[in-house]
Amino acid sequence: MERFLKADNWFFTGITKLVLLILVNAMFIIGCIPVVTAGASLGALYHTIHKNLMDNRGYTIPCFWEGFRSNLKQSTIAMVIFLAISAVLFADDAIIRTMAQSGKINEGFSVLFWILLGLVWLYAIWVFASIALFQNSLKNIMRNSLVLFFAELPTTVYTAVIIAFTAFTIWLIWPLIFLMPAVGIWLIGYRMQKVFRRYQPEDTEGL
């Protein structure tokens, strides 16, 4: 079907991209159902959009599951780490709210934990994208991703804006959940790829 749709025509090309975005988005949602594999699913989505939909290499379904399987171990470990950090932040937030109810502290302090939570998951985007692209130990990937998080701050801010836009769009029109995550990763990845190319070894295959 993909080969049939890939006619040398802007209309067919546009329809093909839309259909494949919806398809890969559906696979992404399926991959997120076991929460601990959400990171692998996110990396596979990134991998597929840039290798298949932007660079036109391979086919969508095999490309996604290839990326999912190859990064499953590292991404799952990273996901468990981020979930554990999130659990601690939620627990701290609950403590703050409990203390605020008894008048011991201002409830506004809980905002700090939500800001930290957002920063943690912005950092996680860098981590999962790096796992999808680079062959390295998880320790080095997480360290390098932290460096990129701060060194490439404009891209980090851009990523936050795209995530907020994507979430708001889905909140307004909930059926867009079957499309917008893939669109968001496309927009984020387009900019991240420019960053990664400056650090990517010449013999490493791009996404």
C-alpha atoms as a PDB file:
ATOM      1  CA  MET A   1       0.000   0.000   0.000  1.00  0.00           C
ATOM      2  CA  GLU A   2       2.782   2.426   0.879  1.00  0.00           C
ATOM      3  CA  ARG A   3       4.481   1.787  -2.461  1.00  0.00           C
ATOM      4  CA  PHE A   4       1.204   2.453  -4.310  1.00  0.00           C
ATOM      5  CA  LEU A   5       0.592   5.711  -2.450  1.00  0.00           C
ATOM      6  CA  LYS A   6       4.118   7.001  -3.027  1.00  0.00           C
ATOM      7  CA  ALA A   7       3.289   8.482  -6.400  1.00  0.00           C
ATOM      8  CA  ASP A   8       5.338  11.409  -7.683  1.00  0.00           C
ATOM      9  CA  ASN A   9       2.539  13.837  -6.934  1.00  0.00           C
ATOM     10  CA  TRP A  10       2.193  16.393  -4.136  1.00  0.00           C
ATOM     11  CA  PHE A  11      -1.381  15.314  -3.376  1.00  0.00           C
ATOM     12  CA  PHE A  12      -0.518  11.613  -3.070  1.00  0.00           C
ATOM     13  CA  THR A  13       2.626  12.487  -1.127  1.00  0.00           C
ATOM     14  CA  GLY A  14       0.629  14.573   1.348  1.00  0.00           C
ATOM     15  CA  ILE A  15      -2.072  11.927   1.773  1.00  0.00           C
ATOM     16  CA  THR A  16       0.600   9.262   2.215  1.00  0.00           C
ATOM     17  CA  LYS A  17       2.363  11.231   4.960  1.00  0.00           C
ATOM     18  CA  LEU A  18      -0.944  11.832   6.766  1.00  0.00           C
ATOM     19  CA  VAL A  19      -1.981   8.166   6.601  1.00  0.00           C
ATOM     20  CA  LEU A  20       1.443   6.989   7.760  1.00  0.00           C
ATOM     21  CA  LEU A  21       1.489   9.534  10.597  1.00  0.00           C
ATOM     22  CA  ILE A  22      -1.844   8.179  11.834  1.00  0.00           C
ATOM     23  CA  LEU A  23      -0.544   4.614  11.485  1.00  0.00           C
ATOM     24  CA  VAL A  24       2.701   5.204  13.365  1.00  0.00           C
ATOM     25  CA  ASN A  25       0.808   7.212  15.987  1.00  0.00           C
ATOM     26  CA  ALA A  26      -1.464   4.207  16.574  1.00  0.00           C
ATOM     27  CA  MET A  27       1.578   1.971  17.052  1.00  0.00           C
ATOM     28  CA  PHE A  28       3.022   4.544  19.465  1.00  0.00           C
ATOM     29  CA  ILE A  29      -0.153   4.461  21.576  1.00  0.00           C
ATOM     30  CA  ILE A  30      -0.116   0.653  21.611  1.00  0.00           C
ATOM     31  CA  GLY A  31       3.539   0.681  22.680  1.00  0.00           C
ATOM     32  CA  CYS A  32       2.691   3.023  25.576  1.00  0.00           C
ATOM     33  CA  ILE A  33       0.004   0.757  27.067  1.00  0.00           C
ATOM     34  CA  PRO A  34       2.528  -0.976  29.353  1.00  0.00           C
ATOM     35  CA  VAL A  35       3.691   2.302  30.916  1.00  0.00           C
ATOM     36  CA  VAL A  36       7.286   1.153  31.373  1.00  0.00           C
ATOM     37  CA  THR A  37       7.638   0.685  27.594  1.00  0.00           C
ATOM     38  CA  ALA A  38       6.419   4.223  26.817  1.00  0.00           C
ATOM     39  CA  GLY A  39      10.016   5.415  26.460  1.00  0.00           C
ATOM     40  CA  ALA A  40      10.806   2.704  23.921  1.00  0.00           C
ATOM     41  CA  SER A  41       7.620   3.597  22.077  1.00  0.00           C
ATOM     42  CA  LEU A  42       8.555   7.280  22.040  1.00  0.00           C
ATOM     43  CA  GLY A  43      12.033   6.475  20.736  1.00  0.00           C
ATOM     44  CA  ALA A  44      10.538   4.217  18.056  1.00  0.00           C
ATOM     45  CA  LEU A  45       8.168   7.007  17.027  1.00  0.00           C
ATOM     46  CA  TYR A  46      11.114   9.394  16.704  1.00  0.00           C
ATOM     47  CA  HIS A  47      13.108   6.742  14.835  1.00  0.00           C
ATOM     48  CA  THR A  48      10.297   6.004  12.385  1.00  0.00           C
ATOM     49  CA  ILE A  49       9.345   9.586  11.608  1.00  0.00           C
ATOM     50  CA  HIS A  50      12.892  10.542  10.716  1.00  0.00           C
ATOM     51  CA  LYS A  51      14.079   7.381   9.040  1.00  0.00           C
ATOM     52  CA  ASN A  52      10.889   6.459   7.226  1.00  0.00           C
ATOM     53  CA  LEU A  53       8.656   9.514   6.864  1.00  0.00           C
ATOM     54  CA  MET A  54      11.325  12.182   6.381  1.00  0.00           C
ATOM     55  CA  ASP A  55      14.204  10.249   4.809  1.00  0.00           C
ATOM     56  CA  ASN A  56      11.980   7.691   3.006  1.00  0.00           C
ATOM     57  CA  ARG A  57      14.026   4.667   4.105  1.00  0.00           C
ATOM     58  CA  GLY A  58      12.181   1.429   4.724  1.00  0.00           C
ATOM     59  CA  TYR A  59       8.514   0.894   5.557  1.00  0.00           C
ATOM     60  CA  THR A  60       6.560   2.244   8.480  1.00  0.00           C
ATOM     61  CA  ILE A  61       5.491  -0.827  10.474  1.00  0.00           C
ATOM     62  CA  PRO A  62       8.823  -2.730  10.275  1.00  0.00           C
ATOM     63  CA  CYS A  63      10.695   0.530  10.939  1.00  0.00           C
ATOM     64  CA  PHE A  64       8.713   1.261  14.109  1.00  0.00           C
ATOM     65  CA  TRP A  65       9.034  -2.200  15.630  1.00  0.00           C
ATOM     66  CA  GLU A  66      12.708  -2.393  14.674  1.00  0.00           C
ATOM     67  CA  GLY A  67      13.311   0.816  16.621  1.00  0.00           C
ATOM     68  CA  PHE A  68      11.117  -0.385  19.483  1.00  0.00           C
ATOM     69  CA  ARG A  69      12.926  -3.717  19.879  1.00  0.00           C
ATOM     70  CA  SER A  70      16.451  -2.335  19.488  1.00  0.00           C
ATOM     71  CA  ASN A  71      15.979   0.320  22.178  1.00  0.00           C
ATOM     72  CA  LEU A  72      13.621  -1.553  24.502  1.00  0.00           C
ATOM     73  CA  LYS A  73      16.116  -2.463  27.231  1.00  0.00           C
ATOM     74  CA  GLN A  74      17.762   0.944  27.651  1.00  0.00           C
ATOM     75  CA  SER A  75      14.512   2.868  27.203  1.00  0.00           C
ATOM     76  CA  THR A  76      12.682   0.734  29.768  1.00  0.00           C
ATOM     77  CA  ILE A  77      15.415   1.234  32.363  1.00  0.00           C
ATOM     78  CA  ALA A  78      15.389   4.984  31.678  1.00  0.00           C
ATOM     79  CA  MET A  79      11.592   5.044  31.895  1.00  0.00           C
ATOM     80  CA  VAL A  80      11.658   3.331  35.293  1.00  0.00           C
ATOM     81  CA  ILE A  81      14.149   5.953  36.497  1.00  0.00           C
ATOM     82  CA  PHE A  82      11.956   8.837  35.313  1.00  0.00           C
ATOM     83  CA  LEU A  83       8.834   7.254  36.790  1.00  0.00           C
ATOM     84  CA  ALA A  84      10.635   6.843  40.125  1.00  0.00           C
ATOM     85  CA  ILE A  85      11.724  10.507  40.087  1.00  0.00           C
ATOM     86  CA  SER A  86       8.152  11.526  39.225  1.00  0.00           C
ATOM     87  CA  ALA A  87       6.789   9.431  42.101  1.00  0.00           C
ATOM     88  CA  VAL A  88       9.132  11.198  44.533  1.00  0.00           C
ATOM     89  CA  LEU A  89       8.035  14.602  43.228  1.00  0.00           C
ATOM     90  CA  PHE A  90       4.357  13.663  43.526  1.00  0.00           C
ATOM     91  CA  ALA A  91       4.984  12.472  47.093  1.00  0.00           C
ATOM     92  CA  ASP A  92       6.729  15.747  47.919  1.00  0.00           C
ATOM     93  CA  ASP A  93       3.810  17.658  46.413  1.00  0.00           C
ATOM     94  CA  ALA A  94       1.367  15.672  48.561  1.00  0.00           C
ATOM     95  CA  ILE A  95       3.416  16.501  51.675  1.00  0.00           C
ATOM     96  CA  ILE A  96       3.418  20.201  50.775  1.00  0.00           C
ATOM     97  CA  ARG A  97      -0.365  20.205  50.297  1.00  0.00           C
ATOM     98  CA  THR A  98      -0.879  18.402  53.608  1.00  0.00           C
ATOM     99  CA  MET A  99       1.312  20.905  55.434  1.00  0.00           C
ATOM    100  CA  ALA A 100      -0.467  23.779  53.684  1.00  0.00           C
ATOM    101  CA  GLN A 101      -3.840  22.554  54.953  1.00  0.00           C
ATOM    102  CA  SER A 102      -2.563  22.814  58.526  1.00  0.00           C
ATOM    103  CA  GLY A 103      -1.166  26.294  57.829  1.00  0.00           C
ATOM    104  CA  LYS A 104       2.479  25.266  58.258  1.00  0.00           C
ATOM    105  CA  ILE A 105       3.533  26.267  54.747  1.00  0.00           C
ATOM    106  CA  ASN A 106       2.234  28.176  51.738  1.00  0.00           C
ATOM    107  CA  GLU A 107       0.534  25.887  49.213  1.00  0.00           C
ATOM    108  CA  GLY A 108       2.163  27.893  46.423  1.00  0.00           C
ATOM    109  CA  PHE A 109       5.381  25.959  47.048  1.00  0.00           C
ATOM    110  CA  SER A 110       3.791  22.972  45.306  1.00  0.00           C
ATOM    111  CA  VAL A 111       4.219  24.859  42.021  1.00  0.00           C
ATOM    112  CA  LEU A 112       7.962  24.251  42.318  1.00  0.00           C
ATOM    113  CA  PHE A 113       7.434  20.495  42.197  1.00  0.00           C
ATOM    114  CA  TRP A 114       5.290  20.786  39.059  1.00  0.00           C
ATOM    115  CA  ILE A 115       7.998  22.890  37.424  1.00  0.00           C
ATOM    116  CA  LEU A 116      10.598  20.278  38.376  1.00  0.00           C
ATOM    117  CA  LEU A 117       8.350  17.535  37.011  1.00  0.00           C
ATOM    118  CA  GLY A 118       8.080  19.347  33.688  1.00  0.00           C
ATOM    119  CA  LEU A 119      11.853  19.800  33.516  1.00  0.00           C
ATOM    120  CA  VAL A 120      12.414  16.107  34.279  1.00  0.00           C
ATOM    121  CA  TRP A 121      10.218  15.028  31.369  1.00  0.00           C
ATOM    122  CA  LEU A 122      11.727  17.591  29.004  1.00  0.00           C
ATOM    123  CA  TYR A 123      15.080  16.025  29.860  1.00  0.00           C
ATOM    124  CA  ALA A 124      13.503  12.604  29.245  1.00  0.00           C
ATOM    125  CA  ILE A 125      12.674  13.634  25.655  1.00  0.00           C
ATOM    126  CA  TRP A 126      16.376  14.266  25.033  1.00  0.00           C
ATOM    127  CA  VAL A 127      17.245  10.916  26.607  1.00  0.00           C
ATOM    128  CA  PHE A 128      14.792   8.824  24.573  1.00  0.00           C
ATOM    129  CA  ALA A 129      15.674  10.601  21.331  1.00  0.00           C
ATOM    130  CA  SER A 130      19.378   9.990  22.029  1.00  0.00           C
ATOM    131  CA  ILE A 131      18.769   6.309  22.764  1.00  0.00           C
ATOM    132  CA  ALA A 132      16.969   6.037  19.406  1.00  0.00           C
ATOM    133  CA  LEU A 133      19.916   7.590  17.570  1.00  0.00           C
ATOM    134  CA  PHE A 134      23.162   6.716  19.325  1.00  0.00           C
ATOM    135  CA  GLN A 135      24.765   3.445  20.356  1.00  0.00           C
ATOM    136  CA  ASN A 136      26.174   4.136  23.813  1.00  0.00           C
ATOM    137  CA  SER A 137      25.836   3.117  27.446  1.00  0.00           C
ATOM    138  CA  LEU A 138      22.740   4.424  29.207  1.00  0.00           C
ATOM    139  CA  LYS A 139      24.962   6.246  31.706  1.00  0.00           C
ATOM    140  CA  ASN A 140      26.716   8.167  28.924  1.00  0.00           C
ATOM    141  CA  ILE A 141      23.456   8.844  27.089  1.00  0.00           C
ATOM    142  CA  MET A 142      21.853  10.314  30.196  1.00  0.00           C
ATOM    143  CA  ARG A 143      24.927  12.416  30.932  1.00  0.00           C
ATOM    144  CA  ASN A 144      25.202  13.684  27.341  1.00  0.00           C
ATOM    145  CA  SER A 145      21.461  14.380  27.219  1.00  0.00           C
ATOM    146  CA  LEU A 146      21.753  16.495  30.350  1.00  0.00           C
ATOM    147  CA  VAL A 147      24.536  18.496  28.688  1.00  0.00           C
ATOM    148  CA  LEU A 148      22.380  18.973  25.560  1.00  0.00           C
ATOM    149  CA  PHE A 149      19.400  19.970  27.722  1.00  0.00           C
ATOM    150  CA  PHE A 150      21.314  23.032  28.925  1.00  0.00           C
ATOM    151  CA  ALA A 151      23.732  23.624  26.030  1.00  0.00           C
ATOM    152  CA  GLU A 152      20.891  23.598  23.500  1.00  0.00           C
ATOM    153  CA  LEU A 153      18.446  25.540  25.675  1.00  0.00           C
ATOM    154  CA  PRO A 154      16.580  27.143  22.718  1.00  0.00           C
ATOM    155  CA  THR A 155      15.758  23.646  21.442  1.00  0.00           C
ATOM    156  CA  THR A 156      14.681  22.579  24.936  1.00  0.00           C
ATOM    157  CA  VAL A 157      12.349  25.582  25.167  1.00  0.00           C
ATOM    158  CA  TYR A 158      11.072  24.888  21.652  1.00  0.00           C
ATOM    159  CA  THR A 159      10.352  21.297  22.704  1.00  0.00           C
ATOM    160  CA  ALA A 160       8.373  22.523  25.723  1.00  0.00           C
ATOM    161  CA  VAL A 161       6.301  24.823  23.494  1.00  0.00           C
ATOM    162  CA  ILE A 162       5.516  22.032  21.023  1.00  0.00           C
ATOM    163  CA  ILE A 163       4.534  19.637  23.825  1.00  0.00           C
ATOM    164  CA  ALA A 164       2.271  22.286  25.359  1.00  0.00           C
ATOM    165  CA  PHE A 165       0.713  23.017  21.963  1.00  0.00           C
ATOM    166  CA  THR A 166       0.182  19.317  21.290  1.00  0.00           C
ATOM    167  CA  ALA A 167      -1.409  18.706  24.700  1.00  0.00           C
ATOM    168  CA  PHE A 168      -3.653  21.780  24.376  1.00  0.00           C
ATOM    169  CA  THR A 169      -4.782  20.734  20.898  1.00  0.00           C
ATOM    170  CA  ILE A 170      -5.695  17.250  22.139  1.00  0.00           C
ATOM    171  CA  TRP A 171      -7.495  18.781  25.134  1.00  0.00           C
ATOM    172  CA  LEU A 172      -9.596  20.916  22.769  1.00  0.00           C
ATOM    173  CA  ILE A 173     -10.277  18.143  20.238  1.00  0.00           C
ATOM    174  CA  TRP A 174      -9.638  14.764  21.898  1.00  0.00           C
ATOM    175  CA  PRO A 175      -9.757  12.596  18.700  1.00  0.00           C
ATOM    176  CA  LEU A 176      -6.546  14.373  17.647  1.00  0.00           C
ATOM    177  CA  ILE A 177      -4.772  12.098  20.122  1.00  0.00           C
ATOM    178  CA  PHE A 178      -4.617   9.682  17.167  1.00  0.00           C
ATOM    179  CA  LEU A 179      -2.517  12.164  15.175  1.00  0.00           C
ATOM    180  CA  MET A 180      -0.993  14.980  17.215  1.00  0.00           C
ATOM    181  CA  PRO A 181       1.642  13.035  19.227  1.00  0.00           C
ATOM    182  CA  ALA A 182       3.275  12.010  15.938  1.00  0.00           C
ATOM    183  CA  VAL A 183       3.003  15.556  14.568  1.00  0.00           C
ATOM    184  CA  GLY A 184       4.546  16.908  17.771  1.00  0.00           C
ATOM    185  CA  ILE A 185       7.474  14.492  17.589  1.00  0.00           C
ATOM    186  CA  TRP A 186       7.932  15.360  13.906  1.00  0.00           C
ATOM    187  CA  LEU A 187       8.225  19.060  14.798  1.00  0.00           C
ATOM    188  CA  ILE A 188      10.469  18.406  17.797  1.00  0.00           C
ATOM    189  CA  GLY A 189      12.639  15.911  15.968  1.00  0.00           C
ATOM    190  CA  TYR A 190      13.130  18.191  12.965  1.00  0.00           C
ATOM    191  CA  ARG A 191      14.945  20.642  15.219  1.00  0.00           C
ATOM    192  CA  MET A 192      16.660  18.034  17.380  1.00  0.00           C
ATOM    193  CA  GLN A 193      18.129  16.395  14.280  1.00  0.00           C
ATOM    194  CA  LYS A 194      20.029  19.603  13.516  1.00  0.00           C
ATOM    195  CA  VAL A 195      21.518  19.419  17.004  1.00  0.00           C
ATOM    196  CA  PHE A 196      22.325  15.707  16.819  1.00  0.00           C
ATOM    197  CA  ARG A 197      24.067  16.025  13.451  1.00  0.00           C
ATOM    198  CA  ARG A 198      26.689  18.232  15.076  1.00  0.00           C
ATOM    199  CA  TYR A 199      27.521  15.457  17.571  1.00  0.00           C
ATOM    200  CA  GLN A 200      26.802  12.374  15.460  1.00  0.00           C
ATOM    201  CA  PRO A 201      29.789  10.257  14.348  1.00  0.00           C
ATOM    202  CA  GLU A 202      30.179  10.194  10.579  1.00  0.00           C
ATOM    203  CA  ASP A 203      29.820   6.394  10.437  1.00  0.00           C
ATOM    204  CA  THR A 204      26.566   6.414  12.442  1.00  0.00           C
ATOM    205  CA  GLU A 205      23.416   5.988  10.396  1.00  0.00           C
ATOM    206  CA  GLY A 206      20.947   8.841  10.929  1.00  0.00           C
ATOM    207  CA  LEU A 207      17.277   8.408  11.611  1.00  0.00           C
END
